[in-house]
Amino acid sequence: VLVSYGLYFGDFVAALILGGLLAILSIKLVYKTALDLTDIISPELVKNVKEIAMSTDGVINADPILMRRSGETIFADITISLRGDTSFDKAHEISNNVETNIKNKISNSTITVHFEPNWQDVPLDAKIQEIAKGVEGVKEVHNVSTHKSKGKTFSNLHVMVDREMNLLSAHKISEIIEEEIHKNIPEIEHATIHLEPFVKIPENFNLEDKITENQIKRILEKYSEIKKIGRIVSLNFENILKIDIDCSFDRELSIEKVHDLISEIEHEIRTKINDSVITIHPEPI
């Protein structure tokens, strides 16, 4: 047909085009077959999985991503980075979300997700708290604060240890905490650690008798700043006495003054009633 239009090389050109198309299709077929036979996953699919993981709320980074194919099933082993101060429960929730999001897009996949902490951009106080909590013998860490003076950074934190521990052992724990802070956060010039006894509060108590309540009332009545003594609940469990108190103060009293008064009252009650854990709730009047 092409000859009638003066195209004497038309058959040759058509053969070249057809041959080129067949060559492209053959290469694609060979490539796909090679992937199937060698369990190799296409880079595009790996990229897609990474994008899905990275788009999941809470994920900072996703790397490495190891993938392979076995028959019709795609296996993926993914390591995600989360903020270093993320709780274990939250980290587990994020991992489940990553797995679900990938399976929603790639239904024939089996996903394993690992998570690791990333401390970049995490507040300094949170870093210090995690470091201290990781030291053996530490029960709780609270009231962590950092401040700067003359270009140097200082830290203060309250650390709770077993209340039966002697001072020497407790001090050794505080020294280890300081060493770990300096090792992991070199910019901290000095860390001041306030040691406190740890008392585990059980879930079930027995009601204490009226004698304890009257004893507490006599202590409270000595403070003229207390305008009204409210509810007093004392609960006993083995050798622990948990005391909850409601007290009313002048509404114009500064919170600093109220806090100092509460601390003083709690201290006096503890000196009179051994093994007591006291919580005073202040109310305005």
C-alpha atoms as a PDB file:
ATOM      1  CA  VAL A   1       0.000   0.000   0.000  1.00  0.00           C
ATOM      2  CA  LEU A   2       2.754   2.383   0.981  1.00  0.00           C
ATOM      3  CA  VAL A   3       4.510   1.705  -2.360  1.00  0.00           C
ATOM      4  CA  SER A   4       1.566   3.158  -4.250  1.00  0.00           C
ATOM      5  CA  TYR A   5       2.220   6.428  -2.423  1.00  0.00           C
ATOM      6  CA  GLY A   6       5.879   6.369  -3.334  1.00  0.00           C
ATOM      7  CA  LEU A   7       7.092   5.102   0.041  1.00  0.00           C
ATOM      8  CA  TYR A   8       9.293   2.260  -1.117  1.00  0.00           C
ATOM      9  CA  PHE A   9      10.840   1.728   2.357  1.00  0.00           C
ATOM     10  CA  GLY A  10       7.519   1.686   4.219  1.00  0.00           C
ATOM     11  CA  ASP A  11       7.586  -2.036   4.981  1.00  0.00           C
ATOM     12  CA  PHE A  12      11.073  -1.700   6.356  1.00  0.00           C
ATOM     13  CA  VAL A  13      10.090   1.231   8.625  1.00  0.00           C
ATOM     14  CA  ALA A  14       6.963  -0.597   9.834  1.00  0.00           C
ATOM     15  CA  ALA A  15       9.061  -3.653  10.609  1.00  0.00           C
ATOM     16  CA  LEU A  16      11.483  -1.505  12.610  1.00  0.00           C
ATOM     17  CA  ILE A  17       8.639   0.058  14.632  1.00  0.00           C
ATOM     18  CA  LEU A  18       7.040  -3.318  15.301  1.00  0.00           C
ATOM     19  CA  GLY A  19      10.389  -4.780  16.261  1.00  0.00           C
ATOM     20  CA  GLY A  20      11.010  -1.882  18.651  1.00  0.00           C
ATOM     21  CA  LEU A  21       7.628  -2.351  20.321  1.00  0.00           C
ATOM     22  CA  LEU A  22       8.209  -6.077  20.678  1.00  0.00           C
ATOM     23  CA  ALA A  23      11.659  -5.410  22.159  1.00  0.00           C
ATOM     24  CA  ILE A  24      10.207  -2.983  24.750  1.00  0.00           C
ATOM     25  CA  LEU A  25       7.468  -5.428  25.715  1.00  0.00           C
ATOM     26  CA  SER A  26      10.011  -8.234  25.957  1.00  0.00           C
ATOM     27  CA  ILE A  27      12.295  -6.176  28.207  1.00  0.00           C
ATOM     28  CA  LYS A  28       9.369  -5.314  30.498  1.00  0.00           C
ATOM     29  CA  LEU A  29       8.345  -8.959  30.640  1.00  0.00           C
ATOM     30  CA  VAL A  30      11.907 -10.051  31.411  1.00  0.00           C
ATOM     31  CA  TYR A  31      12.167  -7.338  34.110  1.00  0.00           C
ATOM     32  CA  LYS A  32       8.891  -8.385  35.775  1.00  0.00           C
ATOM     33  CA  THR A  33       9.804 -12.069  35.589  1.00  0.00           C
ATOM     34  CA  ALA A  34      13.240 -11.343  37.066  1.00  0.00           C
ATOM     35  CA  LEU A  35      11.615  -9.452  39.957  1.00  0.00           C
ATOM     36  CA  ASP A  36       9.255 -12.344  40.635  1.00  0.00           C
ATOM     37  CA  LEU A  37      11.997 -14.963  40.466  1.00  0.00           C
ATOM     38  CA  THR A  38      14.479 -13.049  42.640  1.00  0.00           C
ATOM     39  CA  ASP A  39      11.942 -11.661  45.188  1.00  0.00           C
ATOM     40  CA  ILE A  40      13.110  -8.137  44.319  1.00  0.00           C
ATOM     41  CA  ILE A  41      10.638  -5.276  44.836  1.00  0.00           C
ATOM     42  CA  SER A  42      10.503  -2.343  42.461  1.00  0.00           C
ATOM     43  CA  PRO A  43      11.995   0.908  43.839  1.00  0.00           C
ATOM     44  CA  GLU A  44       8.703   2.645  43.051  1.00  0.00           C
ATOM     45  CA  LEU A  45       6.814   0.360  45.450  1.00  0.00           C
ATOM     46  CA  VAL A  46       9.401   0.922  48.189  1.00  0.00           C
ATOM     47  CA  LYS A  47       9.056   4.673  47.666  1.00  0.00           C
ATOM     48  CA  ASN A  48       5.278   4.360  47.881  1.00  0.00           C
ATOM     49  CA  VAL A  49       5.480   2.460  51.183  1.00  0.00           C
ATOM     50  CA  LYS A  50       7.866   5.082  52.608  1.00  0.00           C
ATOM     51  CA  GLU A  51       5.479   7.893  51.649  1.00  0.00           C
ATOM     52  CA  ILE A  52       2.569   6.100  53.338  1.00  0.00           C
ATOM     53  CA  ALA A  53       4.586   5.581  56.531  1.00  0.00           C
ATOM     54  CA  MET A  54       5.866   9.173  56.564  1.00  0.00           C
ATOM     55  CA  SER A  55       2.347  10.557  56.118  1.00  0.00           C
ATOM     56  CA  THR A  56       1.157   8.750  59.267  1.00  0.00           C
ATOM     57  CA  ASP A  57       0.664  11.146  62.174  1.00  0.00           C
ATOM     58  CA  GLY A  58       3.557  10.997  64.653  1.00  0.00           C
ATOM     59  CA  VAL A  59       6.150   9.505  62.278  1.00  0.00           C
ATOM     60  CA  ILE A  60       9.290  11.619  61.831  1.00  0.00           C
ATOM     61  CA  ASN A  61      11.131   9.328  59.433  1.00  0.00           C
ATOM     62  CA  ALA A  62      10.864   5.853  57.919  1.00  0.00           C
ATOM     63  CA  ASP A  63      14.193   4.185  57.188  1.00  0.00           C
ATOM     64  CA  PRO A  64      15.314   1.539  56.450  1.00  0.00           C
ATOM     65  CA  ILE A  65      12.502  -0.149  54.551  1.00  0.00           C
ATOM     66  CA  LEU A  66      13.222  -3.772  53.632  1.00  0.00           C
ATOM     67  CA  MET A  67      10.808  -5.441  51.234  1.00  0.00           C
ATOM     68  CA  ARG A  68      10.542  -8.727  49.353  1.00  0.00           C
ATOM     69  CA  ARG A  69       7.954 -10.678  47.437  1.00  0.00           C
ATOM     70  CA  SER A  70       6.943 -14.299  47.973  1.00  0.00           C
ATOM     71  CA  GLY A  71       4.357 -15.440  45.488  1.00  0.00           C
ATOM     72  CA  GLU A  72       1.516 -12.940  45.612  1.00  0.00           C
ATOM     73  CA  THR A  73       2.434 -11.662  49.095  1.00  0.00           C
ATOM     74  CA  ILE A  74       4.641  -8.635  49.709  1.00  0.00           C
ATOM     75  CA  PHE A  75       6.592  -8.586  52.965  1.00  0.00           C
ATOM     76  CA  ALA A  76       7.798  -5.272  54.397  1.00  0.00           C
ATOM     77  CA  ASP A  77      10.027  -4.654  57.420  1.00  0.00           C
ATOM     78  CA  ILE A  78       9.895  -0.957  58.328  1.00  0.00           C
ATOM     79  CA  THR A  79      11.728   1.068  60.972  1.00  0.00           C
ATOM     80  CA  ILE A  80      10.062   4.350  61.914  1.00  0.00           C
ATOM     81  CA  SER A  81      11.462   7.213  63.994  1.00  0.00           C
ATOM     82  CA  LEU A  82       9.263   8.845  66.640  1.00  0.00           C
ATOM     83  CA  ARG A  83       9.789  11.731  69.031  1.00  0.00           C
ATOM     84  CA  GLY A  84      12.022  10.553  71.849  1.00  0.00           C
ATOM     85  CA  ASP A  85       9.492  11.504  74.532  1.00  0.00           C
ATOM     86  CA  THR A  86       6.690   9.457  72.957  1.00  0.00           C
ATOM     87  CA  SER A  87       5.216   7.001  75.461  1.00  0.00           C
ATOM     88  CA  PHE A  88       5.408   3.280  74.712  1.00  0.00           C
ATOM     89  CA  ASP A  89       1.618   3.016  74.365  1.00  0.00           C
ATOM     90  CA  LYS A  90       1.534   5.935  71.922  1.00  0.00           C
ATOM     91  CA  ALA A  91       4.445   4.481  69.945  1.00  0.00           C
ATOM     92  CA  HIS A  92       2.586   1.172  69.675  1.00  0.00           C
ATOM     93  CA  GLU A  93      -0.524   3.015  68.469  1.00  0.00           C
ATOM     94  CA  ILE A  94       1.455   4.881  65.782  1.00  0.00           C
ATOM     95  CA  SER A  95       3.057   1.605  64.637  1.00  0.00           C
ATOM     96  CA  ASN A  96      -0.386   0.036  64.251  1.00  0.00           C
ATOM     97  CA  ASN A  97      -1.545   3.058  62.247  1.00  0.00           C
ATOM     98  CA  VAL A  98       1.431   2.716  59.892  1.00  0.00           C
ATOM     99  CA  GLU A  99       0.651  -0.961  59.363  1.00  0.00           C
ATOM    100  CA  THR A 100      -3.044  -0.256  58.731  1.00  0.00           C
ATOM    101  CA  ASN A 101      -2.339   2.595  56.297  1.00  0.00           C
ATOM    102  CA  ILE A 102       0.013   0.434  54.220  1.00  0.00           C
ATOM    103  CA  LYS A 103      -2.396  -2.510  54.137  1.00  0.00           C
ATOM    104  CA  ASN A 104      -5.193  -0.196  53.009  1.00  0.00           C
ATOM    105  CA  LYS A 105      -3.108   0.710  49.932  1.00  0.00           C
ATOM    106  CA  ILE A 106      -1.365  -2.655  49.416  1.00  0.00           C
ATOM    107  CA  SER A 107      -3.831  -5.333  50.464  1.00  0.00           C
ATOM    108  CA  ASN A 108      -1.547  -8.294  49.722  1.00  0.00           C
ATOM    109  CA  SER A 109       1.114  -7.082  52.177  1.00  0.00           C
ATOM    110  CA  THR A 110       2.410  -8.405  55.488  1.00  0.00           C
ATOM    111  CA  ILE A 111       3.932  -5.585  57.530  1.00  0.00           C
ATOM    112  CA  THR A 112       6.354  -5.556  60.460  1.00  0.00           C
ATOM    113  CA  VAL A 113       6.982  -2.151  62.058  1.00  0.00           C
ATOM    114  CA  HIS A 114       9.822  -1.284  64.452  1.00  0.00           C
ATOM    115  CA  PHE A 115      10.128   2.087  66.171  1.00  0.00           C
ATOM    116  CA  GLU A 116      13.078   4.003  67.563  1.00  0.00           C
ATOM    117  CA  PRO A 117      13.371   7.364  69.368  1.00  0.00           C
ATOM    118  CA  ASN A 118      14.442  10.547  67.640  1.00  0.00           C
ATOM    119  CA  TRP A 119      15.522  13.267  70.071  1.00  0.00           C
ATOM    120  CA  GLN A 120      15.940  16.017  67.496  1.00  0.00           C
ATOM    121  CA  ASP A 121      13.681  19.012  68.297  1.00  0.00           C
ATOM    122  CA  VAL A 122      12.477  17.368  71.529  1.00  0.00           C
ATOM    123  CA  PRO A 123      12.386  19.853  74.471  1.00  0.00           C
ATOM    124  CA  LEU A 124      15.438  19.673  76.730  1.00  0.00           C
ATOM    125  CA  ASP A 125      13.333  18.950  79.826  1.00  0.00           C
ATOM    126  CA  ALA A 126      11.820  15.874  78.161  1.00  0.00           C
ATOM    127  CA  LYS A 127      15.275  14.576  77.206  1.00  0.00           C
ATOM    128  CA  ILE A 128      16.538  14.980  80.765  1.00  0.00           C
ATOM    129  CA  GLN A 129      13.478  13.238  82.189  1.00  0.00           C
ATOM    130  CA  GLU A 130      13.922  10.222  79.908  1.00  0.00           C
ATOM    131  CA  ILE A 131      17.637   9.992  80.721  1.00  0.00           C
ATOM    132  CA  ALA A 132      16.957  10.050  84.465  1.00  0.00           C
ATOM    133  CA  LYS A 133      14.107   7.530  84.218  1.00  0.00           C
ATOM    134  CA  GLY A 134      16.449   5.141  82.419  1.00  0.00           C
ATOM    135  CA  VAL A 135      18.855   4.912  85.367  1.00  0.00           C
ATOM    136  CA  GLU A 136      18.481   1.775  87.480  1.00  0.00           C
ATOM    137  CA  GLY A 137      16.926   2.462  90.866  1.00  0.00           C
ATOM    138  CA  VAL A 138      14.920   5.499  89.754  1.00  0.00           C
ATOM    139  CA  LYS A 139      11.199   5.116  90.471  1.00  0.00           C
ATOM    140  CA  GLU A 140       9.837   8.457  89.265  1.00  0.00           C
ATOM    141  CA  VAL A 141      11.087  11.766  87.849  1.00  0.00           C
ATOM    142  CA  HIS A 142       9.206  15.067  88.020  1.00  0.00           C
ATOM    143  CA  ASN A 143       9.632  18.850  88.250  1.00  0.00           C
ATOM    144  CA  VAL A 144      12.316  18.911  85.550  1.00  0.00           C
ATOM    145  CA  SER A 145      13.391  22.418  84.600  1.00  0.00           C
ATOM    146  CA  THR A 146      16.282  24.049  82.763  1.00  0.00           C
ATOM    147  CA  HIS A 147      17.519  27.622  82.826  1.00  0.00           C
ATOM    148  CA  LYS A 148      20.411  29.638  81.439  1.00  0.00           C
ATOM    149  CA  SER A 149      22.786  31.971  83.217  1.00  0.00           C
ATOM    150  CA  LYS A 150      25.740  33.761  81.635  1.00  0.00           C
ATOM    151  CA  GLY A 151      25.517  31.547  78.561  1.00  0.00           C
ATOM    152  CA  LYS A 152      25.518  28.306  80.541  1.00  0.00           C
ATOM    153  CA  THR A 153      22.627  25.845  80.884  1.00  0.00           C
ATOM    154  CA  PHE A 154      21.642  24.396  84.247  1.00  0.00           C
ATOM    155  CA  SER A 155      19.086  21.748  85.130  1.00  0.00           C
ATOM    156  CA  ASN A 156      17.007  20.902  88.201  1.00  0.00           C
ATOM    157  CA  LEU A 157      15.001  17.736  88.686  1.00  0.00           C
ATOM    158  CA  HIS A 158      13.279  15.747  91.418  1.00  0.00           C
ATOM    159  CA  VAL A 159      14.104  12.038  91.480  1.00  0.00           C
ATOM    160  CA  MET A 160      12.232   9.468  93.564  1.00  0.00           C
ATOM    161  CA  VAL A 161      13.981   6.341  94.838  1.00  0.00           C
ATOM    162  CA  ASP A 162      12.998   3.518  97.187  1.00  0.00           C
ATOM    163  CA  ARG A 163      12.153   5.101 100.528  1.00  0.00           C
ATOM    164  CA  GLU A 164      14.097   2.384 102.395  1.00  0.00           C
ATOM    165  CA  MET A 165      17.299   3.142 100.466  1.00  0.00           C
ATOM    166  CA  ASN A 166      20.124   4.715 102.471  1.00  0.00           C
ATOM    167  CA  LEU A 167      21.640   8.075 101.560  1.00  0.00           C
ATOM    168  CA  LEU A 168      24.866   6.579 100.180  1.00  0.00           C
ATOM    169  CA  SER A 169      23.027   4.371  97.674  1.00  0.00           C
ATOM    170  CA  ALA A 170      20.622   7.161  96.721  1.00  0.00           C
ATOM    171  CA  HIS A 171      23.528   9.559  96.181  1.00  0.00           C
ATOM    172  CA  LYS A 172      25.246   7.058  93.883  1.00  0.00           C
ATOM    173  CA  ILE A 173      22.088   6.982  91.751  1.00  0.00           C
ATOM    174  CA  SER A 174      22.087  10.785  91.547  1.00  0.00           C
ATOM    175  CA  GLU A 175      25.752  10.720  90.448  1.00  0.00           C
ATOM    176  CA  ILE A 176      24.937   8.236  87.679  1.00  0.00           C
ATOM    177  CA  ILE A 177      22.071  10.470  86.542  1.00  0.00           C
ATOM    178  CA  GLU A 178      24.411  13.480  86.382  1.00  0.00           C
ATOM    179  CA  GLU A 179      26.963  11.485  84.375  1.00  0.00           C
ATOM    180  CA  GLU A 180      24.303  10.303  81.914  1.00  0.00           C
ATOM    181  CA  ILE A 181      22.961  13.838  81.478  1.00  0.00           C
ATOM    182  CA  HIS A 182      26.445  15.238  80.787  1.00  0.00           C
ATOM    183  CA  LYS A 183      27.223  12.384  78.395  1.00  0.00           C
ATOM    184  CA  ASN A 184      24.021  12.766  76.380  1.00  0.00           C
ATOM    185  CA  ILE A 185      23.544  16.539  76.689  1.00  0.00           C
ATOM    186  CA  PRO A 186      27.026  18.119  76.907  1.00  0.00           C
ATOM    187  CA  GLU A 187      25.614  21.664  76.966  1.00  0.00           C
ATOM    188  CA  ILE A 188      24.243  21.083  80.487  1.00  0.00           C
ATOM    189  CA  GLU A 189      26.775  22.755  82.783  1.00  0.00           C
ATOM    190  CA  HIS A 190      25.373  21.285  85.992  1.00  0.00           C
ATOM    191  CA  ALA A 191      22.384  19.183  87.072  1.00  0.00           C
ATOM    192  CA  THR A 192      20.967  19.625  90.581  1.00  0.00           C
ATOM    193  CA  ILE A 193      19.066  16.540  91.710  1.00  0.00           C
ATOM    194  CA  HIS A 194      16.559  16.630  94.558  1.00  0.00           C
ATOM    195  CA  LEU A 195      16.133  13.131  95.996  1.00  0.00           C
ATOM    196  CA  GLU A 196      12.741  12.060  97.332  1.00  0.00           C
ATOM    197  CA  PRO A 197      11.378   8.821  98.831  1.00  0.00           C
ATOM    198  CA  PHE A 198       9.056   6.885  96.552  1.00  0.00           C
ATOM    199  CA  VAL A 199       5.834   5.560  98.017  1.00  0.00           C
ATOM    200  CA  LYS A 200       3.706   3.371  95.790  1.00  0.00           C
ATOM    201  CA  ILE A 201       0.042   4.111  96.323  1.00  0.00           C
ATOM    202  CA  PRO A 202      -2.054   0.914  96.241  1.00  0.00           C
ATOM    203  CA  GLU A 203      -5.448   0.872  94.542  1.00  0.00           C
ATOM    204  CA  ASN A 204      -7.400  -0.578  97.474  1.00  0.00           C
ATOM    205  CA  PHE A 205      -7.419   0.910 100.963  1.00  0.00           C
ATOM    206  CA  ASN A 206      -9.250   0.332 104.216  1.00  0.00           C
ATOM    207  CA  LEU A 207     -10.995   3.259 105.884  1.00  0.00           C
ATOM    208  CA  GLU A 208      -9.109   4.544 108.940  1.00  0.00           C
ATOM    209  CA  ASP A 209     -10.923   5.281 112.200  1.00  0.00           C
ATOM    210  CA  LYS A 210     -11.996   8.683 113.543  1.00  0.00           C
ATOM    211  CA  ILE A 211      -8.974   8.927 115.830  1.00  0.00           C
ATOM    212  CA  THR A 212      -6.682   9.750 112.899  1.00  0.00           C
ATOM    213  CA  GLU A 213      -9.161  12.284 111.514  1.00  0.00           C
ATOM    214  CA  ASN A 214      -9.370  14.083 114.861  1.00  0.00           C
ATOM    215  CA  GLN A 215      -5.584  14.100 115.133  1.00  0.00           C
ATOM    216  CA  ILE A 216      -5.336  15.775 111.718  1.00  0.00           C
ATOM    217  CA  LYS A 217      -8.018  18.320 112.636  1.00  0.00           C
ATOM    218  CA  ARG A 218      -6.069  19.389 115.716  1.00  0.00           C
ATOM    219  CA  ILE A 219      -3.017  20.035 113.535  1.00  0.00           C
ATOM    220  CA  LEU A 220      -5.022  22.035 110.984  1.00  0.00           C
ATOM    221  CA  GLU A 221      -6.750  24.154 113.618  1.00  0.00           C
ATOM    222  CA  LYS A 222      -3.383  25.621 114.627  1.00  0.00           C
ATOM    223  CA  TYR A 223      -3.172  27.459 111.302  1.00  0.00           C
ATOM    224  CA  SER A 224      -5.157  30.701 111.297  1.00  0.00           C
ATOM    225  CA  GLU A 225      -4.754  30.939 107.513  1.00  0.00           C
ATOM    226  CA  ILE A 226      -7.104  27.963 107.124  1.00  0.00           C
ATOM    227  CA  LYS A 227     -10.577  29.505 107.075  1.00  0.00           C
ATOM    228  CA  LYS A 228     -12.456  26.237 106.770  1.00  0.00           C
ATOM    229  CA  ILE A 229     -11.552  22.586 107.220  1.00  0.00           C
ATOM    230  CA  GLY A 230     -13.421  20.478 104.710  1.00  0.00           C
ATOM    231  CA  ARG A 231     -13.380  16.786 104.002  1.00  0.00           C
ATOM    232  CA  ILE A 232     -10.693  14.610 105.612  1.00  0.00           C
ATOM    233  CA  VAL A 233     -10.337  11.089 104.264  1.00  0.00           C
ATOM    234  CA  SER A 234      -7.713   8.747 105.694  1.00  0.00           C
ATOM    235  CA  LEU A 235      -7.192   5.397 104.025  1.00  0.00           C
ATOM    236  CA  ASN A 236      -4.999   2.643 105.387  1.00  0.00           C
ATOM    237  CA  PHE A 237      -3.117  -0.068 103.511  1.00  0.00           C
ATOM    238  CA  GLU A 238      -0.608  -2.214 105.393  1.00  0.00           C
ATOM    239  CA  ASN A 239       1.994   0.323 106.580  1.00  0.00           C
ATOM    240  CA  ILE A 240       0.833   3.233 104.388  1.00  0.00           C
ATOM    241  CA  LEU A 241      -1.712   5.852 105.426  1.00  0.00           C
ATOM    242  CA  LYS A 242      -3.058   7.976 102.563  1.00  0.00           C
ATOM    243  CA  ILE A 243      -4.619  11.223 103.743  1.00  0.00           C
ATOM    244  CA  ASP A 244      -6.697  13.521 101.504  1.00  0.00           C
ATOM    245  CA  ILE A 245      -7.683  16.911 102.930  1.00  0.00           C
ATOM    246  CA  ASP A 246      -9.813  19.801 101.646  1.00  0.00           C
ATOM    247  CA  CYS A 247      -8.941  23.205 103.134  1.00  0.00           C
ATOM    248  CA  SER A 248     -10.274  26.688 102.368  1.00  0.00           C
ATOM    249  CA  PHE A 249      -8.018  29.762 102.336  1.00  0.00           C
ATOM    250  CA  ASP A 250      -8.577  33.474 101.756  1.00  0.00           C
ATOM    251  CA  ARG A 251      -9.287  33.891  98.046  1.00  0.00           C
ATOM    252  CA  GLU A 252      -6.859  36.841  97.835  1.00  0.00           C
ATOM    253  CA  LEU A 253      -3.942  34.824  99.192  1.00  0.00           C
ATOM    254  CA  SER A 254      -1.181  34.329  96.601  1.00  0.00           C
ATOM    255  CA  ILE A 255      -0.731  30.824  95.249  1.00  0.00           C
ATOM    256  CA  GLU A 256       2.904  30.979  96.367  1.00  0.00           C
ATOM    257  CA  LYS A 257       1.829  31.596  99.977  1.00  0.00           C
ATOM    258  CA  VAL A 258      -0.800  28.834  99.742  1.00  0.00           C
ATOM    259  CA  HIS A 259       1.804  26.409  98.394  1.00  0.00           C
ATOM    260  CA  ASP A 260       4.223  27.241 101.223  1.00  0.00           C
ATOM    261  CA  LEU A 261       1.481  26.742 103.813  1.00  0.00           C
ATOM    262  CA  ILE A 262       0.417  23.414 102.326  1.00  0.00           C
ATOM    263  CA  SER A 263       4.025  22.184 102.291  1.00  0.00           C
ATOM    264  CA  GLU A 264       4.433  23.192 105.938  1.00  0.00           C
ATOM    265  CA  ILE A 265       1.173  21.494 106.971  1.00  0.00           C
ATOM    266  CA  GLU A 266       2.021  18.311 105.077  1.00  0.00           C
ATOM    267  CA  HIS A 267       5.424  18.210 106.748  1.00  0.00           C
ATOM    268  CA  GLU A 268       3.916  18.607 110.230  1.00  0.00           C
ATOM    269  CA  ILE A 269       1.341  15.876 109.619  1.00  0.00           C
ATOM    270  CA  ARG A 270       4.079  13.529 108.418  1.00  0.00           C
ATOM    271  CA  THR A 271       6.106  14.156 111.588  1.00  0.00           C
ATOM    272  CA  LYS A 272       3.078  13.306 113.718  1.00  0.00           C
ATOM    273  CA  ILE A 273       1.727  10.411 111.635  1.00  0.00           C
ATOM    274  CA  ASN A 274       4.381   8.018 110.348  1.00  0.00           C
ATOM    275  CA  ASP A 275       4.258   6.502 106.843  1.00  0.00           C
ATOM    276  CA  SER A 276       1.623   8.966 105.686  1.00  0.00           C
ATOM    277  CA  VAL A 277       1.110  10.185 102.121  1.00  0.00           C
ATOM    278  CA  ILE A 278      -0.720  13.502 102.198  1.00  0.00           C
ATOM    279  CA  THR A 279      -2.609  15.430  99.530  1.00  0.00           C
ATOM    280  CA  ILE A 280      -4.112  18.801 100.477  1.00  0.00           C
ATOM    281  CA  HIS A 281      -6.574  20.385  98.072  1.00  0.00           C
ATOM    282  CA  PRO A 282      -6.821  24.192  98.588  1.00  0.00           C
ATOM    283  CA  GLU A 283     -10.085  26.010  97.878  1.00  0.00           C
ATOM    284  CA  PRO A 284     -10.865  29.767  97.885  1.00  0.00           C
ATOM    285  CA  ILE A 285     -13.331  31.257 100.340  1.00  0.00           C
END
